[in-house]
Amino acid sequence: MNILQPPGWATPKGYANGVAARGTLVFVGGQIGWNAQQQFETDDFIEQTAQTLRNVYAVLAEAGAGPEHMVRMTWYITRRDEYLRRLAELGKAYREVMGRNFPAMTCVEVSALMEERAQVEIEVTAVVPD
């Protein structure tokens, strides 16, 4: 996997501008912050995000992949202000689950997610090298 960083561009914090990879593609559908029985245990944004990341991790593992294989991650959040206000906590929760693996990322604020209590939904594309 190669991180794509055009010359002269400022280094991004917590994500990559682009990633090039070869291998088996793994697509993780949108995961939210409920447990394996599809039950929410919290309404706290950071705790829901940590659970969402653990869910992504579990799906990646089913394909023999890990966070180091992620090439693209899309976040859908319901409250941009809380995301920005709690960025330090969010970064800590992310690193605890995903380590220091920062794929190309997009984060979008949406008015709602399909599950009423969900505050974050994350989808991932990963590439497991041949």
C-alpha atoms as a PDB file:
ATOM      1  CA  MET A   1       0.000   0.000   0.000  1.00  0.00           C
ATOM      2  CA  ASN A   2       1.295   3.461  -0.898  1.00  0.00           C
ATOM      3  CA  ILE A   3       0.148   6.677   0.772  1.00  0.00           C
ATOM      4  CA  LEU A   4      -0.384   9.400  -1.835  1.00  0.00           C
ATOM      5  CA  GLN A   5       0.965  12.759  -0.670  1.00  0.00           C
ATOM      6  CA  PRO A   6       1.493  15.328  -3.447  1.00  0.00           C
ATOM      7  CA  PRO A   7       4.727  17.330  -3.118  1.00  0.00           C
ATOM      8  CA  GLY A   8       4.330  20.594  -1.281  1.00  0.00           C
ATOM      9  CA  TRP A   9       0.985  19.678   0.316  1.00  0.00           C
ATOM     10  CA  ALA A  10       0.598  20.051   4.078  1.00  0.00           C
ATOM     11  CA  THR A  11       0.621  16.692   5.846  1.00  0.00           C
ATOM     12  CA  PRO A  12      -2.937  15.714   6.827  1.00  0.00           C
ATOM     13  CA  LYS A  13      -3.650  14.871  10.468  1.00  0.00           C
ATOM     14  CA  GLY A  14      -5.504  11.610  11.086  1.00  0.00           C
ATOM     15  CA  TYR A  15      -6.102  10.662   7.453  1.00  0.00           C
ATOM     16  CA  ALA A  16      -4.371  10.260   4.085  1.00  0.00           C
ATOM     17  CA  ASN A  17      -5.091  12.297   0.967  1.00  0.00           C
ATOM     18  CA  GLY A  18      -5.028   9.087  -1.030  1.00  0.00           C
ATOM     19  CA  VAL A  19      -3.919   5.461  -0.990  1.00  0.00           C
ATOM     20  CA  ALA A  20      -2.865   3.112  -3.808  1.00  0.00           C
ATOM     21  CA  ALA A  21      -3.027  -0.650  -3.205  1.00  0.00           C
ATOM     22  CA  ARG A  22      -3.277  -4.024  -4.951  1.00  0.00           C
ATOM     23  CA  GLY A  23      -4.957  -7.175  -3.681  1.00  0.00           C
ATOM     24  CA  THR A  24      -8.307  -8.535  -2.542  1.00  0.00           C
ATOM     25  CA  LEU A  25     -10.891  -5.804  -2.029  1.00  0.00           C
ATOM     26  CA  VAL A  26     -12.920  -5.877   1.187  1.00  0.00           C
ATOM     27  CA  PHE A  27     -15.998  -3.663   1.490  1.00  0.00           C
ATOM     28  CA  VAL A  28     -17.412  -3.052   4.958  1.00  0.00           C
ATOM     29  CA  GLY A  29     -20.985  -1.785   4.869  1.00  0.00           C
ATOM     30  CA  GLY A  30     -21.982   1.073   7.141  1.00  0.00           C
ATOM     31  CA  GLN A  31     -21.478   0.081  10.774  1.00  0.00           C
ATOM     32  CA  ILE A  32     -23.075   1.910  13.686  1.00  0.00           C
ATOM     33  CA  GLY A  33     -22.548   2.019  17.447  1.00  0.00           C
ATOM     34  CA  TRP A  34     -24.644  -0.929  18.556  1.00  0.00           C
ATOM     35  CA  ASN A  35     -23.420  -4.286  19.806  1.00  0.00           C
ATOM     36  CA  ALA A  36     -23.492  -7.674  18.040  1.00  0.00           C
ATOM     37  CA  GLN A  37     -27.124  -8.147  19.091  1.00  0.00           C
ATOM     38  CA  GLN A  38     -28.034  -4.812  17.433  1.00  0.00           C
ATOM     39  CA  GLN A  39     -28.644  -3.080  20.750  1.00  0.00           C
ATOM     40  CA  PHE A  40     -27.327   0.331  21.750  1.00  0.00           C
ATOM     41  CA  GLU A  41     -25.552   0.397  25.100  1.00  0.00           C
ATOM     42  CA  THR A  42     -24.968   4.163  25.146  1.00  0.00           C
ATOM     43  CA  ASP A  43     -26.004   7.473  23.651  1.00  0.00           C
ATOM     44  CA  ASP A  44     -22.556   9.019  24.156  1.00  0.00           C
ATOM     45  CA  PHE A  45     -20.970  10.030  20.845  1.00  0.00           C
ATOM     46  CA  ILE A  46     -17.449   8.835  21.691  1.00  0.00           C
ATOM     47  CA  GLU A  47     -18.631   5.503  23.108  1.00  0.00           C
ATOM     48  CA  GLN A  48     -20.870   4.916  20.068  1.00  0.00           C
ATOM     49  CA  THR A  49     -17.938   5.740  17.795  1.00  0.00           C
ATOM     50  CA  ALA A  50     -15.657   3.308  19.646  1.00  0.00           C
ATOM     51  CA  GLN A  51     -18.281   0.562  19.269  1.00  0.00           C
ATOM     52  CA  THR A  52     -18.708   1.436  15.598  1.00  0.00           C
ATOM     53  CA  LEU A  53     -14.952   1.080  15.081  1.00  0.00           C
ATOM     54  CA  ARG A  54     -14.944  -2.268  16.929  1.00  0.00           C
ATOM     55  CA  ASN A  55     -17.726  -3.404  14.591  1.00  0.00           C
ATOM     56  CA  VAL A  56     -15.679  -2.355  11.542  1.00  0.00           C
ATOM     57  CA  TYR A  57     -12.670  -4.188  12.996  1.00  0.00           C
ATOM     58  CA  ALA A  58     -14.736  -7.377  13.458  1.00  0.00           C
ATOM     59  CA  VAL A  59     -15.996  -7.322   9.866  1.00  0.00           C
ATOM     60  CA  LEU A  60     -12.471  -6.723   8.554  1.00  0.00           C
ATOM     61  CA  ALA A  61     -11.243  -9.699  10.602  1.00  0.00           C
ATOM     62  CA  GLU A  62     -13.817 -11.938   8.893  1.00  0.00           C
ATOM     63  CA  ALA A  63     -11.981 -11.238   5.626  1.00  0.00           C
ATOM     64  CA  GLY A  64      -8.545 -11.829   7.138  1.00  0.00           C
ATOM     65  CA  ALA A  65      -7.955  -8.075   7.140  1.00  0.00           C
ATOM     66  CA  GLY A  66      -7.071  -5.565   9.798  1.00  0.00           C
ATOM     67  CA  PRO A  67      -6.928  -1.803  10.193  1.00  0.00           C
ATOM     68  CA  GLU A  68      -3.597  -1.753   8.355  1.00  0.00           C
ATOM     69  CA  HIS A  69      -5.445  -2.850   5.199  1.00  0.00           C
ATOM     70  CA  MET A  70      -7.941   0.033   5.189  1.00  0.00           C
ATOM     71  CA  VAL A  71      -7.605   2.296   2.164  1.00  0.00           C
ATOM     72  CA  ARG A  72     -10.827   4.329   2.449  1.00  0.00           C
ATOM     73  CA  MET A  73     -13.121   5.249   5.307  1.00  0.00           C
ATOM     74  CA  THR A  74     -16.311   7.303   5.156  1.00  0.00           C
ATOM     75  CA  TRP A  75     -17.891   8.683   8.320  1.00  0.00           C
ATOM     76  CA  TYR A  76     -21.470   9.904   8.536  1.00  0.00           C
ATOM     77  CA  ILE A  77     -22.125  11.898  11.708  1.00  0.00           C
ATOM     78  CA  THR A  78     -25.274  13.577  12.980  1.00  0.00           C
ATOM     79  CA  ARG A  79     -23.621  16.415  14.950  1.00  0.00           C
ATOM     80  CA  ARG A  80     -20.624  18.168  13.426  1.00  0.00           C
ATOM     81  CA  ASP A  81     -20.261  20.469  16.446  1.00  0.00           C
ATOM     82  CA  GLU A  82     -19.865  17.552  18.853  1.00  0.00           C
ATOM     83  CA  TYR A  83     -17.425  15.815  16.481  1.00  0.00           C
ATOM     84  CA  LEU A  84     -15.219  18.934  16.423  1.00  0.00           C
ATOM     85  CA  ARG A  85     -15.599  19.681  20.143  1.00  0.00           C
ATOM     86  CA  ARG A  86     -14.556  16.141  21.128  1.00  0.00           C
ATOM     87  CA  LEU A  87     -11.864  15.582  18.502  1.00  0.00           C
ATOM     88  CA  ALA A  88      -9.131  14.759  21.042  1.00  0.00           C
ATOM     89  CA  GLU A  89     -11.314  12.070  22.672  1.00  0.00           C
ATOM     90  CA  LEU A  90     -12.311  10.808  19.249  1.00  0.00           C
ATOM     91  CA  GLY A  91      -8.681  10.457  18.163  1.00  0.00           C
ATOM     92  CA  LYS A  92      -7.879   8.478  21.312  1.00  0.00           C
ATOM     93  CA  ALA A  93     -10.842   6.123  20.770  1.00  0.00           C
ATOM     94  CA  TYR A  94      -9.841   5.676  17.121  1.00  0.00           C
ATOM     95  CA  ARG A  95      -6.220   4.815  17.934  1.00  0.00           C
ATOM     96  CA  GLU A  96      -7.283   2.343  20.652  1.00  0.00           C
ATOM     97  CA  VAL A  97      -9.179   0.289  18.050  1.00  0.00           C
ATOM     98  CA  MET A  98      -7.502   1.070  14.719  1.00  0.00           C
ATOM     99  CA  GLY A  99      -3.994   1.952  15.837  1.00  0.00           C
ATOM    100  CA  ARG A 100      -2.111   4.472  13.740  1.00  0.00           C
ATOM    101  CA  ASN A 101      -3.685   3.402  10.462  1.00  0.00           C
ATOM    102  CA  PHE A 102      -5.063   6.436   8.661  1.00  0.00           C
ATOM    103  CA  PRO A 103      -6.642   5.704   5.266  1.00  0.00           C
ATOM    104  CA  ALA A 104      -8.152   8.235   2.910  1.00  0.00           C
ATOM    105  CA  MET A 105     -11.146   9.566   4.857  1.00  0.00           C
ATOM    106  CA  THR A 106     -14.287  11.554   4.292  1.00  0.00           C
ATOM    107  CA  CYS A 107     -16.552  12.823   7.076  1.00  0.00           C
ATOM    108  CA  VAL A 108     -20.036  14.139   6.320  1.00  0.00           C
ATOM    109  CA  GLU A 109     -22.686  15.579   8.612  1.00  0.00           C
ATOM    110  CA  VAL A 110     -26.126  14.131   7.894  1.00  0.00           C
ATOM    111  CA  SER A 111     -29.519  15.065   9.319  1.00  0.00           C
ATOM    112  CA  ALA A 112     -30.207  11.520  10.547  1.00  0.00           C
ATOM    113  CA  LEU A 113     -29.159   7.899  10.184  1.00  0.00           C
ATOM    114  CA  MET A 114     -31.510   4.972   9.588  1.00  0.00           C
ATOM    115  CA  GLU A 115     -31.340   3.807  13.215  1.00  0.00           C
ATOM    116  CA  GLU A 116     -32.791   6.592  15.341  1.00  0.00           C
ATOM    117  CA  ARG A 117     -30.233   6.353  18.194  1.00  0.00           C
ATOM    118  CA  ALA A 118     -27.212   6.105  15.885  1.00  0.00           C
ATOM    119  CA  GLN A 119     -24.949   9.154  15.936  1.00  0.00           C
ATOM    120  CA  VAL A 120     -22.221   7.822  13.633  1.00  0.00           C
ATOM    121  CA  GLU A 121     -22.019   5.365  10.744  1.00  0.00           C
ATOM    122  CA  ILE A 122     -18.731   4.280   9.192  1.00  0.00           C
ATOM    123  CA  GLU A 123     -18.055   2.361   5.990  1.00  0.00           C
ATOM    124  CA  VAL A 124     -14.632   1.086   4.957  1.00  0.00           C
ATOM    125  CA  THR A 125     -12.840  -0.235   1.914  1.00  0.00           C
ATOM    126  CA  ALA A 126      -9.754  -2.348   2.584  1.00  0.00           C
ATOM    127  CA  VAL A 127      -7.255  -4.126   0.361  1.00  0.00           C
ATOM    128  CA  VAL A 128      -5.541  -7.312   1.520  1.00  0.00           C
ATOM    129  CA  PRO A 129      -2.299  -7.739  -0.471  1.00  0.00           C
ATOM    130  CA  ASP A 130      -2.035 -10.817  -2.710  1.00  0.00           C
END
